[in-house]
Amino acid sequence: MEAGAATLTLHPRSARQMYTGAADHSLTAELVSLVDVPVIASGDINSRARAQSVLAATGAAAVMVGRGAQGNPWALREIVDGDGTEPSREEIAAELILFVRETARELGEHRASGFLKKFYGWYLGRGRFPKPFKQELVQLETTDEVVTRLFAAAPGAAKIVEQLESELPDPAHEILLDSMPISIYGGG
């Protein structure tokens, strides 16, 4: 901590494990005992009960949610508020439509159309939409085709998308990532 770190985040999974096995939060607890700054526990945080368990067992100051929220932003509502209400088909389609549109705006159509394909299964899985529908979306060539197909599958999503878009920040005040040397990680 001599270097001045204000917090530390630990994801206690080895590179060899990749996405398999469980995060070893005994390592998180050990880190908490060794440092005088807040530690954030990351790894396998996919429910409110799991978050509470990791916090209690490790003494960490907070948890970080990663893959547990990929395609399932409603997981955060459950973890933070204890609201495990499943989203409707319309809410799922609306959130995915907004994500598709914003990703295309940020990355451009060509990059976005390929990048987004893995997200379709993440959003539409868990029994939310039939598997053939997800496979159909992956075959579509443009994000506009994907959006059109999602609206057809969940017509009530249009009103939700309108509401979500009205809550977005003004693009005139955004800093786009075009010229920045970064990589947007979509996991998996």
N, C-alpha and C. Protein backbone atom coordinates (compact mmCIF):
# COMPACT_ATOMS: atom_id res chain seq x y z
N MET A 1 0.80 -1.18 0.00
CA MET A 1 0.00 0.00 0.00
C MET A 1 0.85 1.26 0.00
N GLU A 2 2.16 1.08 0.10
CA GLU A 2 3.05 2.23 0.05
C GLU A 2 2.88 2.99 -1.26
N ALA A 3 2.41 2.30 -2.29
CA ALA A 3 2.23 2.95 -3.59
C ALA A 3 1.01 3.86 -3.61
N GLY A 4 0.14 3.75 -2.61
CA GLY A 4 -0.98 4.67 -2.52
C GLY A 4 -2.30 4.14 -3.05
N ALA A 5 -2.47 2.85 -3.16
CA ALA A 5 -3.75 2.31 -3.61
C ALA A 5 -4.83 2.63 -2.59
N ALA A 6 -5.99 3.09 -3.09
CA ALA A 6 -7.11 3.43 -2.21
C ALA A 6 -8.00 2.23 -1.95
N THR A 7 -8.06 1.30 -2.88
CA THR A 7 -8.83 0.06 -2.73
C THR A 7 -8.15 -1.02 -3.56
N LEU A 8 -8.50 -2.25 -3.28
CA LEU A 8 -8.02 -3.39 -4.06
C LEU A 8 -9.22 -4.26 -4.41
N THR A 9 -9.18 -4.84 -5.58
CA THR A 9 -10.19 -5.80 -5.99
C THR A 9 -9.48 -7.11 -6.27
N LEU A 10 -10.04 -8.20 -5.75
CA LEU A 10 -9.44 -9.51 -5.98
C LEU A 10 -10.47 -10.45 -6.57
N HIS A 11 -10.08 -11.07 -7.67
CA HIS A 11 -10.88 -12.12 -8.28
C HIS A 11 -10.06 -13.40 -8.10
N PRO A 12 -10.32 -14.15 -7.03
CA PRO A 12 -9.44 -15.27 -6.67
C PRO A 12 -9.70 -16.54 -7.47
N ARG A 13 -9.36 -16.47 -8.73
CA ARG A 13 -9.46 -17.62 -9.62
C ARG A 13 -8.17 -17.60 -10.44
N SER A 14 -7.56 -18.73 -10.62
CA SER A 14 -6.28 -18.78 -11.34
C SER A 14 -6.51 -18.69 -12.85
N ALA A 15 -5.46 -18.32 -13.55
CA ALA A 15 -5.53 -18.27 -15.01
C ALA A 15 -5.81 -19.67 -15.57
N ARG A 16 -5.30 -20.69 -14.92
CA ARG A 16 -5.53 -22.07 -15.36
C ARG A 16 -7.02 -22.43 -15.26
N GLN A 17 -7.69 -21.94 -14.23
CA GLN A 17 -9.12 -22.23 -14.04
C GLN A 17 -9.97 -21.62 -15.15
N MET A 18 -9.56 -20.46 -15.62
CA MET A 18 -10.35 -19.70 -16.60
C MET A 18 -11.77 -19.55 -16.04
N TYR A 19 -12.78 -20.09 -16.73
CA TYR A 19 -14.17 -19.92 -16.30
C TYR A 19 -14.71 -21.15 -15.58
N THR A 20 -13.83 -22.01 -15.11
CA THR A 20 -14.28 -23.22 -14.45
C THR A 20 -13.99 -23.13 -12.95
N GLY A 21 -14.55 -24.04 -12.21
CA GLY A 21 -14.28 -24.09 -10.78
C GLY A 21 -14.87 -22.90 -10.05
N ALA A 22 -14.52 -22.79 -8.80
CA ALA A 22 -15.06 -21.73 -7.96
C ALA A 22 -13.97 -20.76 -7.55
N ALA A 23 -14.37 -19.51 -7.37
CA ALA A 23 -13.44 -18.50 -6.86
C ALA A 23 -13.11 -18.87 -5.41
N ASP A 24 -11.85 -18.81 -5.05
CA ASP A 24 -11.40 -19.18 -3.70
C ASP A 24 -11.38 -17.94 -2.82
N HIS A 25 -12.50 -17.68 -2.17
CA HIS A 25 -12.61 -16.46 -1.38
C HIS A 25 -11.88 -16.53 -0.04
N SER A 26 -11.25 -17.67 0.27
CA SER A 26 -10.36 -17.67 1.44
C SER A 26 -9.17 -16.76 1.15
N LEU A 27 -8.81 -16.65 -0.14
CA LEU A 27 -7.74 -15.73 -0.54
C LEU A 27 -8.18 -14.28 -0.37
N THR A 28 -9.45 -14.02 -0.61
CA THR A 28 -9.99 -12.67 -0.39
C THR A 28 -9.91 -12.32 1.08
N ALA A 29 -10.32 -13.26 1.94
CA ALA A 29 -10.26 -13.03 3.39
C ALA A 29 -8.82 -12.79 3.83
N GLU A 30 -7.89 -13.55 3.26
CA GLU A 30 -6.48 -13.37 3.61
C GLU A 30 -6.00 -11.97 3.21
N LEU A 31 -6.37 -11.54 2.01
CA LEU A 31 -5.97 -10.20 1.57
C LEU A 31 -6.56 -9.13 2.49
N VAL A 32 -7.83 -9.28 2.86
CA VAL A 32 -8.46 -8.32 3.77
C VAL A 32 -7.66 -8.19 5.06
N SER A 33 -7.16 -9.32 5.56
CA SER A 33 -6.42 -9.31 6.82
C SER A 33 -5.02 -8.68 6.69
N LEU A 34 -4.53 -8.58 5.46
CA LEU A 34 -3.16 -8.10 5.24
C LEU A 34 -3.05 -6.61 4.89
N VAL A 35 -4.16 -6.00 4.49
CA VAL A 35 -4.08 -4.61 4.01
C VAL A 35 -4.98 -3.70 4.83
N ASP A 36 -4.69 -2.42 4.73
CA ASP A 36 -5.46 -1.41 5.47
C ASP A 36 -6.38 -0.60 4.57
N VAL A 37 -6.65 -1.10 3.38
CA VAL A 37 -7.57 -0.42 2.46
C VAL A 37 -8.74 -1.36 2.18
N PRO A 38 -9.86 -0.80 1.76
CA PRO A 38 -11.01 -1.66 1.45
C PRO A 38 -10.68 -2.63 0.32
N VAL A 39 -11.17 -3.87 0.47
CA VAL A 39 -11.01 -4.90 -0.54
C VAL A 39 -12.38 -5.21 -1.14
N ILE A 40 -12.42 -5.31 -2.45
CA ILE A 40 -13.65 -5.66 -3.16
C ILE A 40 -13.50 -7.10 -3.63
N ALA A 41 -14.47 -7.93 -3.26
CA ALA A 41 -14.46 -9.35 -3.63
C ALA A 41 -15.16 -9.55 -4.97
N SER A 42 -14.51 -10.26 -5.87
CA SER A 42 -15.06 -10.54 -7.19
C SER A 42 -14.97 -12.04 -7.44
N GLY A 43 -15.94 -12.57 -8.15
CA GLY A 43 -15.91 -13.99 -8.51
C GLY A 43 -17.09 -14.75 -7.95
N ASP A 44 -17.91 -15.28 -8.85
CA ASP A 44 -19.06 -16.10 -8.49
C ASP A 44 -20.11 -15.34 -7.68
N ILE A 45 -20.22 -14.05 -7.89
CA ILE A 45 -21.24 -13.26 -7.22
C ILE A 45 -22.44 -13.21 -8.17
N ASN A 46 -23.40 -14.10 -7.94
CA ASN A 46 -24.52 -14.20 -8.87
C ASN A 46 -25.89 -14.17 -8.18
N SER A 47 -25.90 -13.90 -6.89
CA SER A 47 -27.17 -13.77 -6.17
C SER A 47 -26.95 -12.95 -4.91
N ARG A 48 -28.03 -12.47 -4.33
CA ARG A 48 -27.95 -11.71 -3.09
C ARG A 48 -27.37 -12.58 -1.97
N ALA A 49 -27.83 -13.83 -1.89
CA ALA A 49 -27.34 -14.74 -0.85
C ALA A 49 -25.83 -14.96 -0.99
N ARG A 50 -25.37 -15.13 -2.21
CA ARG A 50 -23.94 -15.35 -2.43
C ARG A 50 -23.14 -14.09 -2.07
N ALA A 51 -23.64 -12.93 -2.44
CA ALA A 51 -22.96 -11.68 -2.11
C ALA A 51 -22.85 -11.52 -0.59
N GLN A 52 -23.95 -11.78 0.11
CA GLN A 52 -23.95 -11.66 1.57
C GLN A 52 -22.99 -12.66 2.20
N SER A 53 -22.97 -13.88 1.66
CA SER A 53 -22.10 -14.92 2.18
C SER A 53 -20.63 -14.55 2.00
N VAL A 54 -20.27 -14.06 0.82
CA VAL A 54 -18.88 -13.68 0.55
C VAL A 54 -18.48 -12.50 1.43
N LEU A 55 -19.35 -11.52 1.58
CA LEU A 55 -19.04 -10.37 2.44
C LEU A 55 -18.81 -10.82 3.88
N ALA A 56 -19.69 -11.69 4.37
CA ALA A 56 -19.58 -12.15 5.75
C ALA A 56 -18.32 -13.00 5.97
N ALA A 57 -18.00 -13.86 5.01
CA ALA A 57 -16.88 -14.78 5.16
C ALA A 57 -15.52 -14.11 4.98
N THR A 58 -15.48 -13.03 4.21
CA THR A 58 -14.18 -12.43 3.87
C THR A 58 -13.88 -11.12 4.60
N GLY A 59 -14.91 -10.43 5.02
CA GLY A 59 -14.70 -9.10 5.59
C GLY A 59 -14.48 -8.05 4.51
N ALA A 60 -14.72 -8.41 3.27
CA ALA A 60 -14.56 -7.46 2.16
C ALA A 60 -15.53 -6.30 2.34
N ALA A 61 -15.16 -5.16 1.78
CA ALA A 61 -15.98 -3.96 1.89
C ALA A 61 -17.13 -3.95 0.89
N ALA A 62 -16.98 -4.69 -0.20
CA ALA A 62 -17.99 -4.69 -1.26
C ALA A 62 -17.75 -5.91 -2.15
N VAL A 63 -18.69 -6.15 -3.05
CA VAL A 63 -18.53 -7.19 -4.06
C VAL A 63 -18.63 -6.56 -5.44
N MET A 64 -18.03 -7.24 -6.41
CA MET A 64 -18.10 -6.83 -7.80
C MET A 64 -18.79 -7.95 -8.57
N VAL A 65 -19.74 -7.59 -9.41
CA VAL A 65 -20.47 -8.57 -10.19
C VAL A 65 -19.96 -8.51 -11.63
N GLY A 66 -19.61 -9.65 -12.17
CA GLY A 66 -19.12 -9.72 -13.54
C GLY A 66 -20.03 -10.56 -14.41
N ARG A 67 -19.61 -11.80 -14.68
CA ARG A 67 -20.38 -12.67 -15.58
C ARG A 67 -21.80 -12.91 -15.11
N GLY A 68 -22.05 -12.80 -13.81
CA GLY A 68 -23.41 -13.01 -13.29
C GLY A 68 -24.41 -12.03 -13.85
N ALA A 69 -23.92 -10.90 -14.37
CA ALA A 69 -24.82 -9.88 -14.91
C ALA A 69 -24.77 -9.81 -16.44
N GLN A 70 -23.95 -10.63 -17.07
CA GLN A 70 -23.87 -10.60 -18.53
C GLN A 70 -25.18 -11.09 -19.11
N GLY A 71 -25.85 -10.22 -19.84
CA GLY A 71 -27.13 -10.58 -20.43
C GLY A 71 -28.23 -10.67 -19.39
N ASN A 72 -27.91 -10.31 -18.18
CA ASN A 72 -28.89 -10.40 -17.09
C ASN A 72 -28.70 -9.22 -16.13
N PRO A 73 -28.87 -8.00 -16.62
CA PRO A 73 -28.67 -6.85 -15.73
C PRO A 73 -29.64 -6.84 -14.55
N TRP A 74 -30.71 -7.61 -14.64
CA TRP A 74 -31.68 -7.71 -13.55
C TRP A 74 -31.09 -8.43 -12.35
N ALA A 75 -29.98 -9.13 -12.54
CA ALA A 75 -29.30 -9.78 -11.41
C ALA A 75 -28.87 -8.73 -10.39
N LEU A 76 -28.51 -7.55 -10.86
CA LEU A 76 -28.08 -6.49 -9.94
C LEU A 76 -29.24 -6.04 -9.05
N ARG A 77 -30.44 -6.00 -9.61
CA ARG A 77 -31.63 -5.64 -8.83
C ARG A 77 -31.84 -6.66 -7.71
N GLU A 78 -31.64 -7.92 -8.02
CA GLU A 78 -31.80 -8.97 -7.02
C GLU A 78 -30.70 -8.88 -5.97
N ILE A 79 -29.46 -8.68 -6.39
CA ILE A 79 -28.34 -8.63 -5.46
C ILE A 79 -28.45 -7.41 -4.54
N VAL A 80 -28.75 -6.26 -5.09
CA VAL A 80 -28.78 -5.02 -4.30
C VAL A 80 -30.07 -4.88 -3.49
N ASP A 81 -31.20 -5.10 -4.15
CA ASP A 81 -32.50 -4.82 -3.52
C ASP A 81 -33.22 -6.06 -3.00
N GLY A 82 -32.74 -7.24 -3.36
CA GLY A 82 -33.44 -8.46 -2.97
C GLY A 82 -34.68 -8.72 -3.81
N ASP A 83 -34.81 -7.99 -4.93
CA ASP A 83 -35.97 -8.14 -5.81
C ASP A 83 -35.65 -9.16 -6.89
N GLY A 84 -36.10 -10.39 -6.70
CA GLY A 84 -35.81 -11.46 -7.65
C GLY A 84 -36.86 -11.61 -8.73
N THR A 85 -37.69 -10.59 -8.94
CA THR A 85 -38.72 -10.64 -9.96
C THR A 85 -38.09 -10.82 -11.33
N GLU A 86 -38.54 -11.83 -12.04
CA GLU A 86 -38.03 -12.07 -13.39
C GLU A 86 -38.57 -11.00 -14.34
N PRO A 87 -37.74 -10.51 -15.25
CA PRO A 87 -38.21 -9.52 -16.22
C PRO A 87 -39.17 -10.17 -17.22
N SER A 88 -40.06 -9.36 -17.77
CA SER A 88 -40.98 -9.85 -18.82
C SER A 88 -40.20 -9.99 -20.13
N ARG A 89 -40.80 -10.69 -21.08
CA ARG A 89 -40.19 -10.80 -22.42
C ARG A 89 -39.97 -9.42 -23.01
N GLU A 90 -40.93 -8.53 -22.79
CA GLU A 90 -40.83 -7.18 -23.34
C GLU A 90 -39.65 -6.42 -22.71
N GLU A 91 -39.47 -6.57 -21.40
CA GLU A 91 -38.34 -5.91 -20.73
C GLU A 91 -37.01 -6.45 -21.24
N ILE A 92 -36.95 -7.76 -21.43
CA ILE A 92 -35.72 -8.38 -21.93
C ILE A 92 -35.41 -7.88 -23.34
N ALA A 93 -36.42 -7.92 -24.21
CA ALA A 93 -36.22 -7.46 -25.58
C ALA A 93 -35.84 -5.99 -25.60
N ALA A 94 -36.49 -5.17 -24.79
CA ALA A 94 -36.21 -3.73 -24.77
C ALA A 94 -34.77 -3.46 -24.32
N GLU A 95 -34.35 -4.13 -23.27
CA GLU A 95 -32.99 -3.93 -22.77
C GLU A 95 -31.96 -4.37 -23.81
N LEU A 96 -32.23 -5.49 -24.47
CA LEU A 96 -31.31 -5.97 -25.51
C LEU A 96 -31.31 -5.02 -26.71
N ILE A 97 -32.47 -4.51 -27.09
CA ILE A 97 -32.54 -3.56 -28.21
C ILE A 97 -31.72 -2.31 -27.89
N LEU A 98 -31.87 -1.79 -26.70
CA LEU A 98 -31.10 -0.61 -26.31
C LEU A 98 -29.61 -0.93 -26.33
N PHE A 99 -29.24 -2.09 -25.80
CA PHE A 99 -27.84 -2.49 -25.78
C PHE A 99 -27.29 -2.61 -27.21
N VAL A 100 -28.06 -3.21 -28.10
CA VAL A 100 -27.66 -3.37 -29.50
C VAL A 100 -27.46 -2.00 -30.14
N ARG A 101 -28.42 -1.11 -29.96
CA ARG A 101 -28.33 0.22 -30.57
C ARG A 101 -27.14 1.02 -30.04
N GLU A 102 -26.95 0.98 -28.73
CA GLU A 102 -25.84 1.74 -28.14
C GLU A 102 -24.49 1.15 -28.53
N THR A 103 -24.41 -0.17 -28.63
CA THR A 103 -23.17 -0.80 -29.05
C THR A 103 -22.85 -0.45 -30.50
N ALA A 104 -23.87 -0.45 -31.37
CA ALA A 104 -23.66 -0.08 -32.77
C ALA A 104 -23.24 1.39 -32.88
N ARG A 105 -23.82 2.24 -32.06
CA ARG A 105 -23.45 3.66 -32.07
C ARG A 105 -22.00 3.83 -31.63
N GLU A 106 -21.61 3.06 -30.64
CA GLU A 106 -20.26 3.19 -30.08
C GLU A 106 -19.19 2.54 -30.96
N LEU A 107 -19.47 1.33 -31.43
CA LEU A 107 -18.45 0.57 -32.16
C LEU A 107 -18.56 0.68 -33.68
N GLY A 108 -19.71 1.13 -34.16
CA GLY A 108 -19.98 1.10 -35.60
C GLY A 108 -20.66 -0.22 -35.95
N GLU A 109 -21.43 -0.21 -37.01
CA GLU A 109 -22.23 -1.37 -37.40
C GLU A 109 -21.40 -2.62 -37.62
N HIS A 110 -20.32 -2.50 -38.36
CA HIS A 110 -19.53 -3.69 -38.71
C HIS A 110 -18.99 -4.41 -37.47
N ARG A 111 -18.32 -3.67 -36.60
CA ARG A 111 -17.77 -4.30 -35.38
C ARG A 111 -18.88 -4.79 -34.46
N ALA A 112 -19.92 -3.99 -34.32
CA ALA A 112 -21.00 -4.33 -33.38
C ALA A 112 -21.74 -5.60 -33.80
N SER A 113 -22.00 -5.76 -35.08
CA SER A 113 -22.80 -6.91 -35.52
C SER A 113 -22.14 -8.24 -35.15
N GLY A 114 -20.84 -8.32 -35.23
CA GLY A 114 -20.15 -9.54 -34.82
C GLY A 114 -19.99 -9.65 -33.32
N PHE A 115 -19.62 -8.55 -32.68
CA PHE A 115 -19.40 -8.51 -31.24
C PHE A 115 -20.66 -8.92 -30.46
N LEU A 116 -21.81 -8.50 -30.92
CA LEU A 116 -23.06 -8.70 -30.17
C LEU A 116 -23.59 -10.13 -30.18
N LYS A 117 -23.16 -10.94 -31.11
CA LYS A 117 -23.77 -12.26 -31.27
C LYS A 117 -23.76 -13.10 -30.00
N LYS A 118 -22.68 -13.04 -29.21
CA LYS A 118 -22.63 -13.83 -27.99
C LYS A 118 -23.63 -13.34 -26.94
N PHE A 119 -24.01 -12.08 -27.03
CA PHE A 119 -24.94 -11.52 -26.04
C PHE A 119 -26.37 -12.01 -26.24
N TYR A 120 -26.73 -12.39 -27.45
CA TYR A 120 -28.10 -12.82 -27.70
C TYR A 120 -28.47 -14.01 -26.83
N GLY A 121 -27.59 -14.99 -26.77
CA GLY A 121 -27.85 -16.15 -25.92
C GLY A 121 -27.89 -15.79 -24.44
N TRP A 122 -27.01 -14.87 -24.04
CA TRP A 122 -26.97 -14.47 -22.62
C TRP A 122 -28.26 -13.77 -22.21
N TYR A 123 -28.76 -12.86 -23.06
CA TYR A 123 -30.00 -12.16 -22.73
C TYR A 123 -31.22 -13.06 -22.87
N LEU A 124 -31.26 -13.83 -23.94
CA LEU A 124 -32.48 -14.55 -24.28
C LEU A 124 -32.52 -15.96 -23.71
N GLY A 125 -31.44 -16.41 -23.07
CA GLY A 125 -31.39 -17.74 -22.48
C GLY A 125 -32.20 -17.83 -21.20
N ARG A 126 -31.89 -18.82 -20.40
CA ARG A 126 -32.58 -19.06 -19.13
C ARG A 126 -34.06 -19.32 -19.34
N GLY A 127 -34.42 -19.88 -20.51
CA GLY A 127 -35.82 -20.20 -20.80
C GLY A 127 -36.65 -18.99 -21.18
N ARG A 128 -36.00 -17.85 -21.40
CA ARG A 128 -36.74 -16.62 -21.69
C ARG A 128 -37.30 -16.58 -23.11
N PHE A 129 -36.55 -17.12 -24.06
CA PHE A 129 -36.97 -17.19 -25.45
C PHE A 129 -36.56 -18.56 -25.97
N PRO A 130 -37.24 -19.08 -26.98
CA PRO A 130 -36.87 -20.41 -27.52
C PRO A 130 -35.48 -20.38 -28.16
N LYS A 131 -34.78 -21.48 -28.04
CA LYS A 131 -33.42 -21.59 -28.59
C LYS A 131 -33.37 -21.27 -30.09
N PRO A 132 -34.33 -21.73 -30.90
CA PRO A 132 -34.28 -21.39 -32.34
C PRO A 132 -34.31 -19.88 -32.60
N PHE A 133 -34.98 -19.14 -31.73
CA PHE A 133 -35.03 -17.69 -31.90
C PHE A 133 -33.64 -17.09 -31.71
N LYS A 134 -32.93 -17.53 -30.69
CA LYS A 134 -31.56 -17.05 -30.45
C LYS A 134 -30.67 -17.39 -31.65
N GLN A 135 -30.83 -18.61 -32.17
CA GLN A 135 -30.02 -19.04 -33.31
C GLN A 135 -30.35 -18.21 -34.56
N GLU A 136 -31.62 -17.85 -34.69
CA GLU A 136 -32.03 -17.00 -35.81
C GLU A 136 -31.35 -15.63 -35.74
N LEU A 137 -31.31 -15.04 -34.55
CA LEU A 137 -30.69 -13.72 -34.41
C LEU A 137 -29.21 -13.75 -34.78
N VAL A 138 -28.52 -14.80 -34.41
CA VAL A 138 -27.10 -14.92 -34.70
C VAL A 138 -26.86 -14.96 -36.21
N GLN A 139 -27.83 -15.47 -36.97
CA GLN A 139 -27.68 -15.58 -38.42
C GLN A 139 -27.94 -14.26 -39.15
N LEU A 140 -28.59 -13.31 -38.49
CA LEU A 140 -28.91 -12.04 -39.13
C LEU A 140 -27.64 -11.23 -39.35
N GLU A 141 -27.61 -10.46 -40.43
CA GLU A 141 -26.38 -9.77 -40.81
C GLU A 141 -26.22 -8.39 -40.20
N THR A 142 -27.31 -7.71 -39.89
CA THR A 142 -27.19 -6.34 -39.39
C THR A 142 -27.88 -6.20 -38.03
N THR A 143 -27.47 -5.19 -37.30
CA THR A 143 -28.12 -4.92 -36.02
C THR A 143 -29.55 -4.44 -36.23
N ASP A 144 -29.82 -3.74 -37.33
CA ASP A 144 -31.20 -3.32 -37.62
C ASP A 144 -32.12 -4.53 -37.80
N GLU A 145 -31.61 -5.57 -38.46
CA GLU A 145 -32.40 -6.79 -38.62
C GLU A 145 -32.68 -7.44 -37.26
N VAL A 146 -31.70 -7.43 -36.38
CA VAL A 146 -31.87 -8.00 -35.04
C VAL A 146 -32.94 -7.22 -34.29
N VAL A 147 -32.84 -5.89 -34.32
CA VAL A 147 -33.81 -5.05 -33.62
C VAL A 147 -35.21 -5.28 -34.17
N THR A 148 -35.35 -5.33 -35.48
CA THR A 148 -36.66 -5.58 -36.10
C THR A 148 -37.24 -6.90 -35.64
N ARG A 149 -36.40 -7.91 -35.61
CA ARG A 149 -36.86 -9.26 -35.19
C ARG A 149 -37.25 -9.27 -33.71
N LEU A 150 -36.50 -8.56 -32.86
CA LEU A 150 -36.84 -8.48 -31.43
C LEU A 150 -38.17 -7.77 -31.23
N PHE A 151 -38.39 -6.68 -31.95
CA PHE A 151 -39.68 -5.98 -31.84
C PHE A 151 -40.83 -6.88 -32.29
N ALA A 152 -40.60 -7.68 -33.33
CA ALA A 152 -41.65 -8.60 -33.80
C ALA A 152 -41.96 -9.66 -32.74
N ALA A 153 -40.94 -10.11 -32.03
CA ALA A 153 -41.12 -11.16 -31.01
C ALA A 153 -41.72 -10.61 -29.72
N ALA A 154 -41.53 -9.32 -29.47
CA ALA A 154 -42.04 -8.71 -28.24
C ALA A 154 -42.52 -7.30 -28.55
N PRO A 155 -43.69 -7.17 -29.18
CA PRO A 155 -44.18 -5.86 -29.62
C PRO A 155 -44.29 -4.83 -28.48
N GLY A 156 -44.56 -5.28 -27.28
CA GLY A 156 -44.68 -4.35 -26.15
C GLY A 156 -43.36 -3.72 -25.75
N ALA A 157 -42.25 -4.18 -26.33
CA ALA A 157 -40.94 -3.64 -26.00
C ALA A 157 -40.77 -2.21 -26.50
N ALA A 158 -41.53 -1.81 -27.52
CA ALA A 158 -41.36 -0.49 -28.12
C ALA A 158 -41.54 0.62 -27.09
N LYS A 159 -42.57 0.51 -26.28
CA LYS A 159 -42.83 1.55 -25.27
C LYS A 159 -41.71 1.58 -24.21
N ILE A 160 -41.21 0.41 -23.84
CA ILE A 160 -40.13 0.34 -22.86
C ILE A 160 -38.85 0.92 -23.43
N VAL A 161 -38.55 0.62 -24.69
CA VAL A 161 -37.36 1.17 -25.34
C VAL A 161 -37.44 2.70 -25.37
N GLU A 162 -38.62 3.21 -25.70
CA GLU A 162 -38.80 4.67 -25.72
C GLU A 162 -38.48 5.27 -24.35
N GLN A 163 -38.96 4.64 -23.29
CA GLN A 163 -38.69 5.12 -21.93
C GLN A 163 -37.19 5.04 -21.61
N LEU A 164 -36.57 3.90 -21.92
CA LEU A 164 -35.14 3.72 -21.64
C LEU A 164 -34.30 4.75 -22.40
N GLU A 165 -34.65 4.98 -23.66
CA GLU A 165 -33.89 5.94 -24.45
C GLU A 165 -34.04 7.36 -23.92
N SER A 166 -35.20 7.67 -23.36
CA SER A 166 -35.40 9.01 -22.81
C SER A 166 -34.55 9.24 -21.57
N GLU A 167 -34.09 8.16 -20.94
CA GLU A 167 -33.27 8.26 -19.73
C GLU A 167 -31.77 8.27 -20.02
N LEU A 168 -31.40 8.07 -21.28
CA LEU A 168 -29.98 8.07 -21.65
C LEU A 168 -29.40 9.48 -21.56
N PRO A 169 -28.12 9.59 -21.25
CA PRO A 169 -27.49 10.91 -21.24
C PRO A 169 -27.47 11.53 -22.63
N ASP A 170 -27.39 12.82 -22.68
CA ASP A 170 -27.33 13.54 -23.95
C ASP A 170 -26.01 13.18 -24.65
N PRO A 171 -26.09 12.64 -25.88
CA PRO A 171 -24.86 12.25 -26.59
C PRO A 171 -23.89 13.40 -26.79
N ALA A 172 -24.37 14.64 -26.77
CA ALA A 172 -23.48 15.79 -26.95
C ALA A 172 -22.50 15.92 -25.78
N HIS A 173 -22.82 15.30 -24.65
CA HIS A 173 -21.96 15.40 -23.47
C HIS A 173 -21.14 14.12 -23.24
N GLU A 174 -21.17 13.22 -24.19
CA GLU A 174 -20.43 11.97 -24.04
C GLU A 174 -19.06 12.06 -24.68
N ILE A 175 -18.17 11.24 -24.19
CA ILE A 175 -16.86 11.06 -24.81
C ILE A 175 -16.89 9.69 -25.45
N LEU A 176 -16.89 9.65 -26.77
CA LEU A 176 -16.90 8.37 -27.48
C LEU A 176 -15.51 7.76 -27.47
N LEU A 177 -15.45 6.49 -27.64
CA LEU A 177 -14.21 5.74 -27.50
C LEU A 177 -13.44 5.58 -28.81
N ASP A 178 -13.91 6.21 -29.86
CA ASP A 178 -13.33 6.01 -31.20
C ASP A 178 -11.80 6.08 -31.24
N SER A 179 -11.23 7.11 -30.66
CA SER A 179 -9.80 7.33 -30.81
C SER A 179 -8.99 6.82 -29.62
N MET A 180 -9.66 6.16 -28.69
CA MET A 180 -8.96 5.69 -27.50
C MET A 180 -8.48 4.26 -27.70
N PRO A 181 -7.27 3.95 -27.26
CA PRO A 181 -6.74 2.59 -27.44
C PRO A 181 -7.25 1.67 -26.35
N ILE A 182 -8.51 1.26 -26.46
CA ILE A 182 -9.09 0.39 -25.44
C ILE A 182 -9.74 -0.82 -26.10
N SER A 183 -10.09 -1.75 -25.27
CA SER A 183 -10.81 -2.93 -25.73
C SER A 183 -12.05 -3.06 -24.85
N ILE A 184 -13.19 -3.19 -25.47
CA ILE A 184 -14.41 -3.44 -24.71
C ILE A 184 -14.52 -4.95 -24.54
N TYR A 185 -14.49 -5.39 -23.30
CA TYR A 185 -14.52 -6.83 -23.03
C TYR A 185 -15.95 -7.26 -22.84
N GLY A 186 -16.36 -8.21 -23.62
CA GLY A 186 -17.72 -8.74 -23.51
C GLY A 186 -17.74 -10.10 -22.85
N GLY A 187 -16.62 -10.56 -22.39
CA GLY A 187 -16.55 -11.84 -21.69
C GLY A 187 -16.71 -13.02 -22.62
N GLY A 188 -16.60 -14.17 -22.00
CA GLY A 188 -16.83 -15.44 -22.67
C GLY A 188 -15.96 -15.71 -23.80
